[in-house]
C-alpha atoms as a PDB file:
ATOM      1  CA  UNK A   1      86.553-135.666 188.609  1.00  0.00           C
ATOM      2  CA  UNK A   2      88.297-138.451 186.753  1.00  0.00           C
ATOM      3  CA  UNK A   3      90.641-136.432 184.493  1.00  0.00           C
ATOM      4  CA  UNK A   4      93.825-137.816 186.023  1.00  0.00           C
ATOM      5  CA  UNK A   5      95.797-141.022 185.348  1.00  0.00           C
ATOM      6  CA  UNK A   6      98.530-142.538 187.506  1.00  0.00           C
ATOM      7  CA  UNK A   7      99.830-142.371 191.056  1.00  0.00           C
ATOM      8  CA  UNK A   8     103.562-141.663 191.269  1.00  0.00           C
ATOM      9  CA  UNK A   9     103.640-140.398 187.680  1.00  0.00           C
ATOM     10  CA  UNK A  10     100.381-138.516 187.249  1.00  0.00           C
ATOM     11  CA  UNK A  11      98.909-136.789 184.243  1.00  0.00           C
ATOM     12  CA  UNK A  12      95.829-134.546 184.444  1.00  0.00           C
ATOM     13  CA  UNK A  13      94.031-133.477 181.247  1.00  0.00           C
ATOM     14  CA  UNK A  14      92.254-130.157 180.749  1.00  0.00           C
ATOM     15  CA  UNK A  15      90.508-128.089 178.100  1.00  0.00           C
ATOM     16  CA  UNK A  16      87.647-128.382 175.632  1.00  0.00           C
ATOM     17  CA  UNK A  17      87.576-129.236 171.934  1.00  0.00           C
ATOM     18  CA  UNK A  18      86.338-125.729 171.012  1.00  0.00           C
ATOM     19  CA  UNK A  19      87.715-123.820 174.019  1.00  0.00           C
ATOM     20  CA  UNK A  20      90.879-121.759 174.060  1.00  0.00           C
ATOM     21  CA  UNK A  21      93.276-124.654 174.577  1.00  0.00           C
ATOM     22  CA  UNK A  22      93.849-128.263 175.575  1.00  0.00           C
ATOM     23  CA  UNK A  23      96.738-129.764 177.449  1.00  0.00           C
ATOM     24  CA  UNK A  24      98.055-131.702 180.418  1.00  0.00           C
ATOM     25  CA  UNK A  25      99.735-131.287 183.784  1.00  0.00           C
ATOM     26  CA  UNK A  26     102.383-133.980 184.248  1.00  0.00           C
ATOM     27  CA  UNK A  27     103.568-134.553 187.836  1.00  0.00           C
ATOM     28  CA  UNK A  28     106.044-136.906 189.452  1.00  0.00           C
ATOM     29  CA  UNK A  29     108.781-136.952 186.770  1.00  0.00           C
ATOM     30  CA  UNK A  30     112.065-136.665 188.646  1.00  0.00           C
ATOM     31  CA  UNK A  31     114.695-134.066 187.816  1.00  0.00           C
ATOM     32  CA  UNK A  32     117.306-134.679 185.122  1.00  0.00           C
ATOM     33  CA  UNK A  33     115.199-136.537 182.568  1.00  0.00           C
ATOM     34  CA  UNK A  34     116.186-135.461 179.028  1.00  0.00           C
ATOM     35  CA  UNK A  35     113.358-133.905 176.966  1.00  0.00           C
ATOM     36  CA  UNK A  36     113.566-134.581 173.224  1.00  0.00           C
ATOM     37  CA  UNK A  37     111.538-131.814 171.607  1.00  0.00           C
ATOM     38  CA  UNK A  38     111.960-133.246 168.103  1.00  0.00           C
ATOM     39  CA  UNK A  39     110.387-136.510 169.262  1.00  0.00           C
ATOM     40  CA  UNK A  40     107.590-134.629 170.965  1.00  0.00           C
ATOM     41  CA  UNK A  41     106.794-132.831 167.731  1.00  0.00           C
ATOM     42  CA  UNK A  42     106.905-136.087 165.788  1.00  0.00           C
ATOM     43  CA  UNK A  43     104.512-137.828 168.201  1.00  0.00           C
ATOM     44  CA  UNK A  44     102.024-134.942 168.021  1.00  0.00           C
ATOM     45  CA  UNK A  45     102.206-134.897 164.211  1.00  0.00           C
ATOM     46  CA  UNK A  46     101.208-138.552 164.084  1.00  0.00           C
ATOM     47  CA  UNK A  47      98.064-137.667 166.086  1.00  0.00           C
ATOM     48  CA  UNK A  48      97.127-134.309 164.575  1.00  0.00           C
ATOM     49  CA  UNK A  49      94.114-133.776 162.278  1.00  0.00           C
ATOM     50  CA  UNK A  50      94.334-132.447 158.759  1.00  0.00           C
ATOM     51  CA  UNK A  51      95.807-135.523 157.081  1.00  0.00           C
ATOM     52  CA  UNK A  52      94.346-136.961 153.878  1.00  0.00           C
ATOM     53  CA  UNK A  53      90.890-138.646 154.305  1.00  0.00           C
ATOM     54  CA  UNK A  54      90.880-137.969 158.095  1.00  0.00           C
ATOM     55  CA  UNK A  55      89.505-134.930 159.917  1.00  0.00           C
ATOM     56  CA  UNK A  56      90.271-131.727 157.974  1.00  0.00           C
ATOM     57  CA  UNK A  57      90.485-129.577 161.084  1.00  0.00           C
ATOM     58  CA  UNK A  58      93.660-127.594 160.442  1.00  0.00           C
ATOM     59  CA  UNK A  59      95.350-127.460 163.793  1.00  0.00           C
ATOM     60  CA  UNK A  60      99.146-127.005 163.926  1.00  0.00           C
ATOM     61  CA  UNK A  61      99.200-128.532 167.447  1.00  0.00           C
ATOM     62  CA  UNK A  62     102.253-126.596 168.575  1.00  0.00           C
ATOM     63  CA  UNK A  63     102.950-127.637 172.168  1.00  0.00           C
ATOM     64  CA  UNK A  64     104.180-125.070 174.722  1.00  0.00           C
ATOM     65  CA  UNK A  65     106.069-126.402 177.733  1.00  0.00           C
ATOM     66  CA  UNK A  66     105.265-123.732 180.308  1.00  0.00           C
ATOM     67  CA  UNK A  67     106.969-125.169 183.401  1.00  0.00           C
ATOM     68  CA  UNK A  68     109.033-128.043 184.797  1.00  0.00           C
ATOM     69  CA  UNK A  69     111.708-128.151 182.016  1.00  0.00           C
ATOM     70  CA  UNK A  70     114.925-126.133 181.946  1.00  0.00           C
ATOM     71  CA  UNK A  71     117.673-126.354 179.344  1.00  0.00           C
ATOM     72  CA  UNK A  72     116.328-129.604 177.942  1.00  0.00           C
ATOM     73  CA  UNK A  73     115.893-131.450 181.227  1.00  0.00           C
ATOM     74  CA  UNK A  74     113.077-131.887 183.752  1.00  0.00           C
ATOM     75  CA  UNK A  75     113.427-129.953 187.018  1.00  0.00           C
ATOM     76  CA  UNK A  76     111.350-132.390 189.108  1.00  0.00           C
ATOM     77  CA  UNK A  77     108.473-129.904 189.382  1.00  0.00           C
ATOM     78  CA  UNK A  78     105.072-130.160 187.576  1.00  0.00           C
ATOM     79  CA  UNK A  79     105.263-129.886 183.818  1.00  0.00           C
ATOM     80  CA  UNK A  80     102.475-127.857 182.204  1.00  0.00           C
ATOM     81  CA  UNK A  81     101.809-128.692 178.543  1.00  0.00           C
ATOM     82  CA  UNK A  82      99.539-126.380 176.551  1.00  0.00           C
ATOM     83  CA  UNK A  83      98.299-126.417 172.963  1.00  0.00           C
ATOM     84  CA  UNK A  84      96.128-123.552 171.798  1.00  0.00           C
ATOM     85  CA  UNK A  85      93.119-124.326 169.574  1.00  0.00           C
ATOM     86  CA  UNK A  86      93.281-122.382 166.344  1.00  0.00           C
ATOM     87  CA  UNK A  87      90.696-123.878 163.913  1.00  0.00           C
ATOM     88  CA  UNK A  88      87.526-124.557 165.877  1.00  0.00           C
ATOM     89  CA  UNK A  89      84.267-123.958 163.977  1.00  0.00           C
ATOM     90  CA  UNK A  90      81.621-123.808 166.684  1.00  0.00           C
ATOM     91  CA  UNK A  91      78.847-122.912 164.256  1.00  0.00           C
ATOM     92  CA  UNK A  92      78.799-126.592 163.217  1.00  0.00           C
ATOM     93  CA  UNK A  93      77.258-127.382 166.622  1.00  0.00           C
ATOM     94  CA  UNK A  94      74.377-124.869 166.694  1.00  0.00           C
ATOM     95  CA  UNK A  95      71.848-127.743 167.091  1.00  0.00           C
ATOM     96  CA  UNK A  96      73.165-128.479 170.614  1.00  0.00           C
ATOM     97  CA  UNK A  97      71.905-129.023 173.306  1.00  0.00           C
ATOM     98  CA  UNK A  98      68.437-129.323 171.841  1.00  0.00           C
ATOM     99  CA  UNK A  99      69.204-132.145 169.430  1.00  0.00           C
ATOM    100  CA  UNK A 100      71.773-134.518 171.016  1.00  0.00           C
ATOM    101  CA  UNK A 101      73.764-136.567 168.508  1.00  0.00           C
ATOM    102  CA  UNK A 102      73.316-140.342 168.205  1.00  0.00           C
ATOM    103  CA  UNK A 103      76.261-142.257 169.653  1.00  0.00           C
ATOM    104  CA  UNK A 104      77.615-139.220 171.499  1.00  0.00           C
ATOM    105  CA  UNK A 105      77.734-138.271 175.170  1.00  0.00           C
ATOM    106  CA  UNK A 106      75.837-134.968 174.594  1.00  0.00           C
ATOM    107  CA  UNK A 107      72.730-135.906 176.539  1.00  0.00           C
ATOM    108  CA  UNK A 108      74.465-137.699 179.502  1.00  0.00           C
ATOM    109  CA  UNK A 109      76.923-134.817 179.831  1.00  0.00           C
ATOM    110  CA  UNK A 110      74.165-132.243 179.736  1.00  0.00           C
ATOM    111  CA  UNK A 111      72.328-134.056 182.512  1.00  0.00           C
ATOM    112  CA  UNK A 112      75.514-134.661 184.575  1.00  0.00           C
ATOM    113  CA  UNK A 113      76.468-130.989 184.439  1.00  0.00           C
ATOM    114  CA  UNK A 114      72.982-129.611 184.995  1.00  0.00           C
ATOM    115  CA  UNK A 115      73.149-127.874 181.607  1.00  0.00           C
ATOM    116  CA  UNK A 116      76.474-126.203 182.234  1.00  0.00           C
ATOM    117  CA  UNK A 117      78.631-128.281 179.847  1.00  0.00           C
ATOM    118  CA  UNK A 118      80.404-127.007 176.719  1.00  0.00           C
ATOM    119  CA  UNK A 119      79.159-129.620 174.222  1.00  0.00           C
ATOM    120  CA  UNK A 120      80.798-128.160 171.112  1.00  0.00           C
ATOM    121  CA  UNK A 121      82.896-130.781 169.357  1.00  0.00           C
ATOM    122  CA  UNK A 122      82.447-133.082 172.351  1.00  0.00           C
ATOM    123  CA  UNK A 123      83.759-130.490 174.863  1.00  0.00           C
ATOM    124  CA  UNK A 124      85.920-132.097 177.518  1.00  0.00           C
ATOM    125  CA  UNK A 125      84.821-135.573 176.306  1.00  0.00           C
ATOM    126  CA  UNK A 126      86.427-134.913 172.893  1.00  0.00           C
ATOM    127  CA  UNK A 127      89.206-136.977 171.408  1.00  0.00           C
ATOM    128  CA  UNK A 128      91.047-133.679 171.076  1.00  0.00           C
ATOM    129  CA  UNK A 129      92.036-133.958 174.721  1.00  0.00           C
ATOM    130  CA  UNK A 130      94.146-137.002 173.815  1.00  0.00           C
ATOM    131  CA  UNK A 131      96.708-134.469 172.609  1.00  0.00           C
ATOM    132  CA  UNK A 132      97.677-133.945 176.275  1.00  0.00           C
ATOM    133  CA  UNK A 133      98.206-137.658 176.680  1.00  0.00           C
ATOM    134  CA  UNK A 134     100.448-137.850 173.627  1.00  0.00           C
ATOM    135  CA  UNK A 135     102.531-134.904 174.810  1.00  0.00           C
ATOM    136  CA  UNK A 136     102.899-136.279 178.356  1.00  0.00           C
ATOM    137  CA  UNK A 137     103.635-139.761 177.069  1.00  0.00           C
ATOM    138  CA  UNK A 138     106.337-138.412 174.786  1.00  0.00           C
ATOM    139  CA  UNK A 139     108.085-136.630 177.661  1.00  0.00           C
ATOM    140  CA  UNK A 140     108.444-139.834 179.736  1.00  0.00           C
ATOM    141  CA  UNK A 141     109.791-141.869 176.808  1.00  0.00           C
ATOM    142  CA  UNK A 142     113.478-141.359 177.762  1.00  0.00           C
ATOM    143  CA  UNK A 143     112.709-142.217 181.390  1.00  0.00           C
ATOM    144  CA  UNK A 144     111.688-145.772 180.580  1.00  0.00           C
ATOM    145  CA  UNK A 145     115.228-146.987 180.052  1.00  0.00           C
ATOM    146  CA  UNK A 146     115.322-150.040 177.771  1.00  0.00           C
ATOM    147  CA  UNK A 147     111.534-150.451 177.753  1.00  0.00           C
ATOM    148  CA  UNK A 148     110.018-149.636 174.341  1.00  0.00           C
ATOM    149  CA  UNK A 149     106.407-149.147 173.232  1.00  0.00           C
ATOM    150  CA  UNK A 150     105.437-149.323 169.570  1.00  0.00           C
ATOM    151  CA  UNK A 151     101.972-149.427 168.032  1.00  0.00           C
ATOM    152  CA  UNK A 152     100.248-149.356 164.696  1.00  0.00           C
ATOM    153  CA  UNK A 153      96.765-149.455 163.164  1.00  0.00           C
ATOM    154  CA  UNK A 154      96.279-153.235 162.832  1.00  0.00           C
ATOM    155  CA  UNK A 155      92.714-153.406 161.531  1.00  0.00           C
ATOM    156  CA  UNK A 156      90.077-151.309 159.820  1.00  0.00           C
ATOM    157  CA  UNK A 157      86.809-153.158 159.271  1.00  0.00           C
ATOM    158  CA  UNK A 158      87.640-156.587 157.842  1.00  0.00           C
ATOM    159  CA  UNK A 159      91.168-155.654 156.731  1.00  0.00           C
ATOM    160  CA  UNK A 160      93.951-156.742 159.038  1.00  0.00           C
ATOM    161  CA  UNK A 161      97.622-155.730 159.015  1.00  0.00           C
ATOM    162  CA  UNK A 162     100.797-157.396 160.173  1.00  0.00           C
ATOM    163  CA  UNK A 163     102.805-155.681 162.925  1.00  0.00           C
ATOM    164  CA  UNK A 164     106.208-156.787 161.677  1.00  0.00           C
ATOM    165  CA  UNK A 165     105.685-155.641 158.038  1.00  0.00           C
ATOM    166  CA  UNK A 166     107.381-152.257 158.527  1.00  0.00           C
ATOM    167  CA  UNK A 167     106.879-149.804 155.659  1.00  0.00           C
ATOM    168  CA  UNK A 168     107.404-146.140 154.884  1.00  0.00           C
ATOM    169  CA  UNK A 169     104.819-145.880 152.065  1.00  0.00           C
ATOM    170  CA  UNK A 170     102.210-143.160 151.735  1.00  0.00           C
ATOM    171  CA  UNK A 171      99.276-145.235 152.916  1.00  0.00           C
ATOM    172  CA  UNK A 172     101.257-146.516 155.907  1.00  0.00           C
ATOM    173  CA  UNK A 173     102.142-142.946 156.872  1.00  0.00           C
ATOM    174  CA  UNK A 174      98.585-141.659 156.624  1.00  0.00           C
ATOM    175  CA  UNK A 175      97.074-144.529 158.616  1.00  0.00           C
ATOM    176  CA  UNK A 176     100.010-145.203 161.027  1.00  0.00           C
ATOM    177  CA  UNK A 177     100.023-148.773 159.796  1.00  0.00           C
ATOM    178  CA  UNK A 178     103.203-150.856 159.466  1.00  0.00           C
ATOM    179  CA  UNK A 179     101.888-153.024 156.631  1.00  0.00           C
ATOM    180  CA  UNK A 180     101.866-151.015 153.362  1.00  0.00           C
ATOM    181  CA  UNK A 181      99.919-153.607 151.405  1.00  0.00           C
ATOM    182  CA  UNK A 182      97.155-153.740 153.986  1.00  0.00           C
ATOM    183  CA  UNK A 183      97.299-149.970 154.425  1.00  0.00           C
ATOM    184  CA  UNK A 184      96.563-149.480 150.729  1.00  0.00           C
ATOM    185  CA  UNK A 185      93.429-151.596 151.018  1.00  0.00           C
ATOM    186  CA  UNK A 186      92.431-149.792 154.203  1.00  0.00           C
ATOM    187  CA  UNK A 187      92.842-146.397 152.498  1.00  0.00           C
ATOM    188  CA  UNK A 188      90.473-147.405 149.674  1.00  0.00           C
ATOM    189  CA  UNK A 189      87.910-148.571 152.189  1.00  0.00           C
ATOM    190  CA  UNK A 190      88.155-145.359 154.228  1.00  0.00           C
ATOM    191  CA  UNK A 191      87.854-143.333 151.035  1.00  0.00           C
ATOM    192  CA  UNK A 192      84.651-145.087 150.032  1.00  0.00           C
ATOM    193  CA  UNK A 193      83.192-144.649 153.551  1.00  0.00           C
ATOM    194  CA  UNK A 194      83.980-140.926 153.640  1.00  0.00           C
ATOM    195  CA  UNK A 195      82.317-140.516 150.243  1.00  0.00           C
ATOM    196  CA  UNK A 196      79.226-142.327 151.603  1.00  0.00           C
ATOM    197  CA  UNK A 197      79.198-140.187 154.735  1.00  0.00           C
ATOM    198  CA  UNK A 198      79.687-143.219 156.998  1.00  0.00           C
ATOM    199  CA  UNK A 199      82.404-144.510 159.374  1.00  0.00           C
ATOM    200  CA  UNK A 200      83.902-147.828 160.431  1.00  0.00           C
ATOM    201  CA  UNK A 201      85.442-149.634 163.435  1.00  0.00           C
ATOM    202  CA  UNK A 202      89.159-150.259 163.844  1.00  0.00           C
ATOM    203  CA  UNK A 203      91.916-151.546 166.117  1.00  0.00           C
ATOM    204  CA  UNK A 204      95.393-150.611 167.322  1.00  0.00           C
ATOM    205  CA  UNK A 205      98.056-153.144 168.268  1.00  0.00           C
ATOM    206  CA  UNK A 206     100.875-152.210 170.646  1.00  0.00           C
ATOM    207  CA  UNK A 207     104.022-154.131 171.607  1.00  0.00           C
ATOM    208  CA  UNK A 208     105.746-153.396 174.920  1.00  0.00           C
ATOM    209  CA  UNK A 209     109.227-154.918 174.963  1.00  0.00           C
ATOM    210  CA  UNK A 210     112.161-155.172 177.419  1.00  0.00           C
ATOM    211  CA  UNK A 211     109.970-155.010 180.510  1.00  0.00           C
ATOM    212  CA  UNK A 212     111.967-156.462 183.396  1.00  0.00           C
ATOM    213  CA  UNK A 213     110.539-159.514 185.142  1.00  0.00           C
ATOM    214  CA  UNK A 214     107.964-158.735 187.875  1.00  0.00           C
ATOM    215  CA  UNK A 215     106.713-155.234 186.998  1.00  0.00           C
ATOM    216  CA  UNK A 216     103.139-154.762 188.256  1.00  0.00           C
ATOM    217  CA  UNK A 217     101.372-154.398 191.589  1.00  0.00           C
ATOM    218  CA  UNK A 218      98.887-156.826 193.126  1.00  0.00           C
ATOM    219  CA  UNK A 219      95.345-157.152 191.841  1.00  0.00           C
ATOM    220  CA  UNK A 220      93.859-153.839 190.659  1.00  0.00           C
ATOM    221  CA  UNK A 221      97.217-152.227 189.980  1.00  0.00           C
ATOM    222  CA  UNK A 222      98.488-155.232 188.065  1.00  0.00           C
ATOM    223  CA  UNK A 223     100.083-154.652 184.651  1.00  0.00           C
ATOM    224  CA  UNK A 224      97.063-155.597 182.588  1.00  0.00           C
ATOM    225  CA  UNK A 225      94.375-153.961 184.827  1.00  0.00           C
ATOM    226  CA  UNK A 226      96.353-150.726 184.995  1.00  0.00           C
ATOM    227  CA  UNK A 227      96.852-150.661 181.207  1.00  0.00           C
ATOM    228  CA  UNK A 228      93.222-151.619 180.535  1.00  0.00           C
ATOM    229  CA  UNK A 229      91.918-148.785 182.725  1.00  0.00           C
ATOM    230  CA  UNK A 230      93.979-146.176 180.928  1.00  0.00           C
ATOM    231  CA  UNK A 231      93.373-147.586 177.413  1.00  0.00           C
ATOM    232  CA  UNK A 232      89.629-147.890 177.877  1.00  0.00           C
ATOM    233  CA  UNK A 233      89.481-144.179 178.721  1.00  0.00           C
ATOM    234  CA  UNK A 234      90.602-143.260 175.174  1.00  0.00           C
ATOM    235  CA  UNK A 235      87.436-141.890 173.437  1.00  0.00           C
ATOM    236  CA  UNK A 236      85.764-144.564 171.306  1.00  0.00           C
ATOM    237  CA  UNK A 237      87.561-147.556 172.917  1.00  0.00           C
ATOM    238  CA  UNK A 238      85.291-150.604 173.221  1.00  0.00           C
ATOM    239  CA  UNK A 239      87.636-153.388 174.156  1.00  0.00           C
ATOM    240  CA  UNK A 240      91.211-154.277 175.203  1.00  0.00           C
ATOM    241  CA  UNK A 241      92.929-157.610 174.647  1.00  0.00           C
ATOM    242  CA  UNK A 242      96.267-158.895 175.952  1.00  0.00           C
ATOM    243  CA  UNK A 243      98.376-161.635 174.423  1.00  0.00           C
ATOM    244  CA  UNK A 244      96.183-164.124 172.570  1.00  0.00           C
ATOM    245  CA  UNK A 245      93.073-162.354 173.834  1.00  0.00           C
ATOM    246  CA  UNK A 246      89.750-163.861 172.779  1.00  0.00           C
ATOM    247  CA  UNK A 247      91.549-166.603 170.917  1.00  0.00           C
ATOM    248  CA  UNK A 248      92.258-168.067 174.360  1.00  0.00           C
ATOM    249  CA  UNK A 249      88.571-169.039 174.611  1.00  0.00           C
ATOM    250  CA  UNK A 250      89.097-171.665 171.920  1.00  0.00           C
ATOM    251  CA  UNK A 251      92.389-173.021 173.304  1.00  0.00           C
ATOM    252  CA  UNK A 252      93.237-175.787 175.757  1.00  0.00           C
ATOM    253  CA  UNK A 253      95.567-175.260 178.653  1.00  0.00           C
ATOM    254  CA  UNK A 254      98.091-177.507 177.019  1.00  0.00           C
ATOM    255  CA  UNK A 255      98.116-175.130 174.021  1.00  0.00           C
ATOM    256  CA  UNK A 256      97.997-171.883 175.929  1.00  0.00           C
ATOM    257  CA  UNK A 257     100.534-172.479 178.694  1.00  0.00           C
ATOM    258  CA  UNK A 258     104.024-171.085 178.038  1.00  0.00           C
ATOM    259  CA  UNK A 259     106.858-173.052 179.615  1.00  0.00           C
ATOM    260  CA  UNK A 260     109.608-171.141 181.312  1.00  0.00           C
ATOM    261  CA  UNK A 261     112.943-171.195 179.455  1.00  0.00           C
ATOM    262  CA  UNK A 262     116.454-171.311 180.860  1.00  0.00           C
ATOM    263  CA  UNK A 263     116.709-167.512 180.711  1.00  0.00           C
ATOM    264  CA  UNK A 264     113.636-167.167 182.949  1.00  0.00           C
ATOM    265  CA  UNK A 265     111.469-165.958 180.110  1.00  0.00           C
ATOM    266  CA  UNK A 266     108.432-167.832 178.692  1.00  0.00           C
ATOM    267  CA  UNK A 267     109.252-169.856 175.588  1.00  0.00           C
ATOM    268  CA  UNK A 268     106.878-170.005 172.636  1.00  0.00           C
ATOM    269  CA  UNK A 269     105.359-168.022 169.873  1.00  0.00           C
ATOM    270  CA  UNK A 270     103.419-164.990 171.154  1.00  0.00           C
ATOM    271  CA  UNK A 271     104.142-165.991 174.730  1.00  0.00           C
ATOM    272  CA  UNK A 272     102.276-164.033 177.426  1.00  0.00           C
ATOM    273  CA  UNK A 273     104.021-160.839 178.457  1.00  0.00           C
ATOM    274  CA  UNK A 274     102.145-160.741 181.768  1.00  0.00           C
ATOM    275  CA  UNK A 275     100.944-163.300 184.303  1.00  0.00           C
ATOM    276  CA  UNK A 276      99.157-162.531 187.548  1.00  0.00           C
ATOM    277  CA  UNK A 277      99.400-158.813 186.779  1.00  0.00           C
ATOM    278  CA  UNK A 278     103.207-158.933 186.515  1.00  0.00           C
ATOM    279  CA  UNK A 279     105.517-158.801 183.541  1.00  0.00           C
ATOM    280  CA  UNK A 280     107.151-162.075 182.474  1.00  0.00           C
ATOM    281  CA  UNK A 281     110.025-160.628 180.482  1.00  0.00           C
ATOM    282  CA  UNK A 282     108.392-161.609 177.165  1.00  0.00           C
ATOM    283  CA  UNK A 283     106.976-158.871 174.894  1.00  0.00           C
ATOM    284  CA  UNK A 284     103.490-157.814 175.945  1.00  0.00           C
ATOM    285  CA  UNK A 285     101.017-157.551 173.061  1.00  0.00           C
ATOM    286  CA  UNK A 286      98.026-155.288 173.538  1.00  0.00           C
ATOM    287  CA  UNK A 287      95.118-154.625 171.162  1.00  0.00           C
ATOM    288  CA  UNK A 288      92.632-151.833 171.594  1.00  0.00           C
ATOM    289  CA  UNK A 289      89.377-151.962 169.622  1.00  0.00           C
ATOM    290  CA  UNK A 290      87.497-148.802 168.659  1.00  0.00           C
ATOM    291  CA  UNK A 291      83.920-148.240 167.592  1.00  0.00           C
ATOM    292  CA  UNK A 292      83.037-146.486 164.360  1.00  0.00           C
ATOM    293  CA  UNK A 293      83.163-142.728 164.941  1.00  0.00           C
ATOM    294  CA  UNK A 294      79.702-141.504 165.858  1.00  0.00           C
ATOM    295  CA  UNK A 295      79.771-138.256 163.820  1.00  0.00           C
ATOM    296  CA  UNK A 296      78.586-139.236 160.350  1.00  0.00           C
ATOM    297  CA  UNK A 297      76.927-137.087 157.699  1.00  0.00           C
ATOM    298  CA  UNK A 298      74.187-139.636 156.912  1.00  0.00           C
ATOM    299  CA  UNK A 299      70.861-138.195 158.212  1.00  0.00           C
ATOM    300  CA  UNK A 300      69.600-139.943 161.355  1.00  0.00           C
ATOM    301  CA  UNK A 301      66.305-139.778 163.216  1.00  0.00           C
ATOM    302  CA  UNK A 302      66.930-138.926 166.867  1.00  0.00           C
ATOM    303  CA  UNK A 303      65.277-137.215 169.812  1.00  0.00           C
ATOM    304  CA  UNK A 304      64.612-133.457 169.686  1.00  0.00           C
ATOM    305  CA  UNK A 305      64.445-132.421 173.335  1.00  0.00           C
ATOM    306  CA  UNK A 306      62.242-129.273 173.225  1.00  0.00           C
ATOM    307  CA  UNK A 307      59.499-130.997 171.209  1.00  0.00           C
ATOM    308  CA  UNK A 308      59.950-134.526 172.512  1.00  0.00           C
ATOM    309  CA  UNK A 309      59.749-135.709 168.917  1.00  0.00           C
ATOM    310  CA  UNK A 310      62.016-137.836 166.788  1.00  0.00           C
ATOM    311  CA  UNK A 311      63.423-135.521 164.166  1.00  0.00           C
ATOM    312  CA  UNK A 312      66.066-135.860 161.480  1.00  0.00           C
ATOM    313  CA  UNK A 313      69.583-134.675 162.291  1.00  0.00           C
ATOM    314  CA  UNK A 314      72.376-134.364 159.788  1.00  0.00           C
ATOM    315  CA  UNK A 315      75.727-133.636 161.384  1.00  0.00           C
ATOM    316  CA  UNK A 316      78.133-131.293 159.563  1.00  0.00           C
ATOM    317  CA  UNK A 317      81.650-130.391 160.581  1.00  0.00           C
ATOM    318  CA  UNK A 318      84.984-132.159 160.154  1.00  0.00           C
ATOM    319  CA  UNK A 319      85.268-135.635 161.523  1.00  0.00           C
ATOM    320  CA  UNK A 320      87.344-138.799 161.191  1.00  0.00           C
ATOM    321  CA  UNK A 321      85.729-141.797 159.436  1.00  0.00           C
ATOM    322  CA  UNK A 322      87.906-144.133 161.483  1.00  0.00           C
ATOM    323  CA  UNK A 323      89.616-143.813 164.878  1.00  0.00           C
ATOM    324  CA  UNK A 324      92.624-146.170 164.993  1.00  0.00           C
ATOM    325  CA  UNK A 325      95.052-144.216 162.746  1.00  0.00           C
ATOM    326  CA  UNK A 326      95.057-141.153 164.963  1.00  0.00           C
ATOM    327  CA  UNK A 327      94.601-143.218 168.133  1.00  0.00           C
ATOM    328  CA  UNK A 328      97.866-145.146 167.516  1.00  0.00           C
ATOM    329  CA  UNK A 329     100.172-142.571 169.156  1.00  0.00           C
ATOM    330  CA  UNK A 330      97.567-142.159 171.964  1.00  0.00           C
ATOM    331  CA  UNK A 331      97.781-145.885 172.749  1.00  0.00           C
ATOM    332  CA  UNK A 332     101.577-145.638 172.799  1.00  0.00           C
ATOM    333  CA  UNK A 333     101.426-142.652 175.120  1.00  0.00           C
ATOM    334  CA  UNK A 334      99.026-144.240 177.591  1.00  0.00           C
ATOM    335  CA  UNK A 335     101.169-147.397 177.755  1.00  0.00           C
ATOM    336  CA  UNK A 336     104.326-145.312 178.375  1.00  0.00           C
ATOM    337  CA  UNK A 337     102.671-143.304 181.147  1.00  0.00           C
ATOM    338  CA  UNK A 338     101.365-146.379 182.920  1.00  0.00           C
ATOM    339  CA  UNK A 339     104.648-148.294 182.608  1.00  0.00           C
ATOM    340  CA  UNK A 340     106.534-145.243 183.978  1.00  0.00           C
ATOM    341  CA  UNK A 341     104.142-145.152 186.935  1.00  0.00           C
ATOM    342  CA  UNK A 342     104.487-148.858 187.646  1.00  0.00           C
ATOM    343  CA  UNK A 343     108.280-148.733 187.380  1.00  0.00           C
ATOM    344  CA  UNK A 344     108.274-145.873 189.840  1.00  0.00           C
ATOM    345  CA  UNK A 345     106.075-147.868 192.253  1.00  0.00           C
ATOM    346  CA  UNK A 346     108.361-150.876 191.847  1.00  0.00           C
ATOM    347  CA  UNK A 347     111.824-149.482 192.406  1.00  0.00           C
ATOM    348  CA  UNK A 348     111.927-145.711 192.004  1.00  0.00           C
ATOM    349  CA  UNK A 349     113.884-143.788 189.396  1.00  0.00           C
ATOM    350  CA  UNK A 350     117.616-144.348 189.064  1.00  0.00           C
END
């Protein structure tokens, strides 16, 4: 079962959206790594539901560290991270499994499991399980040395935001967006969509900086392939771009090539942070594109399994009208976990 990510540093997710708990088992972190509980709480708060205009599910998301940490440091043994679900409303999913939701994995999961799956709130396919990724990613933060990973919501629908326009305004805080002016426009758009019962697509941009030259394994464990595999597993992800991404299609080699500078780092604006699956020493820019959330309150005609008829389904419950704001710390966490794994493969922990 593909619920694990990484080789030397390995995280395994568990739980269901409406089960007793969700969490992660983090293995391979060596002893003596400092655990910053305040940072862990901050990372989880950026992901949690209950913020204005997003999902109103009121989960405190208090993370219990049940093993592998003693007196603020890792012991070198597996770290079990557990968050108990406290505000699940399973009655909102009484139509399942008979009336699978459009855009959801209800029907494929029901067939895959032979009818044994817990489909409530998406079950084990739910974005709620990203909580374990964020917790695990937070715990390896201090083990990355000088490597930093920062991300923000860079686009909602047609509205784009600048990474470098750092702001502490209300809209920026709600949407995890650095650009307060753009965030204000985004917030108005999200508000109108929530009122209409609809949703919209969005994107997260991440910057990975201070990667030493040459991090990444050959071919399928290269820097970009490893990141893409993990990032595409985030629920709702529909595309990953590196560097200049799709813009490269319209460029000539003479425009796209970055010359090597005297400090053995590519020179140029937005220079590639990875070549041949290995880091170049330049910042690595990553963008993850998310589909509109599938749970919308607009009535939709879809298959009713017992009758074989197309019947109207109107989904209730508490859902996000956009994914990127809450996916931002998830993207950061996945990047940290994969970089930690690749660093371990490259040279081991100091």
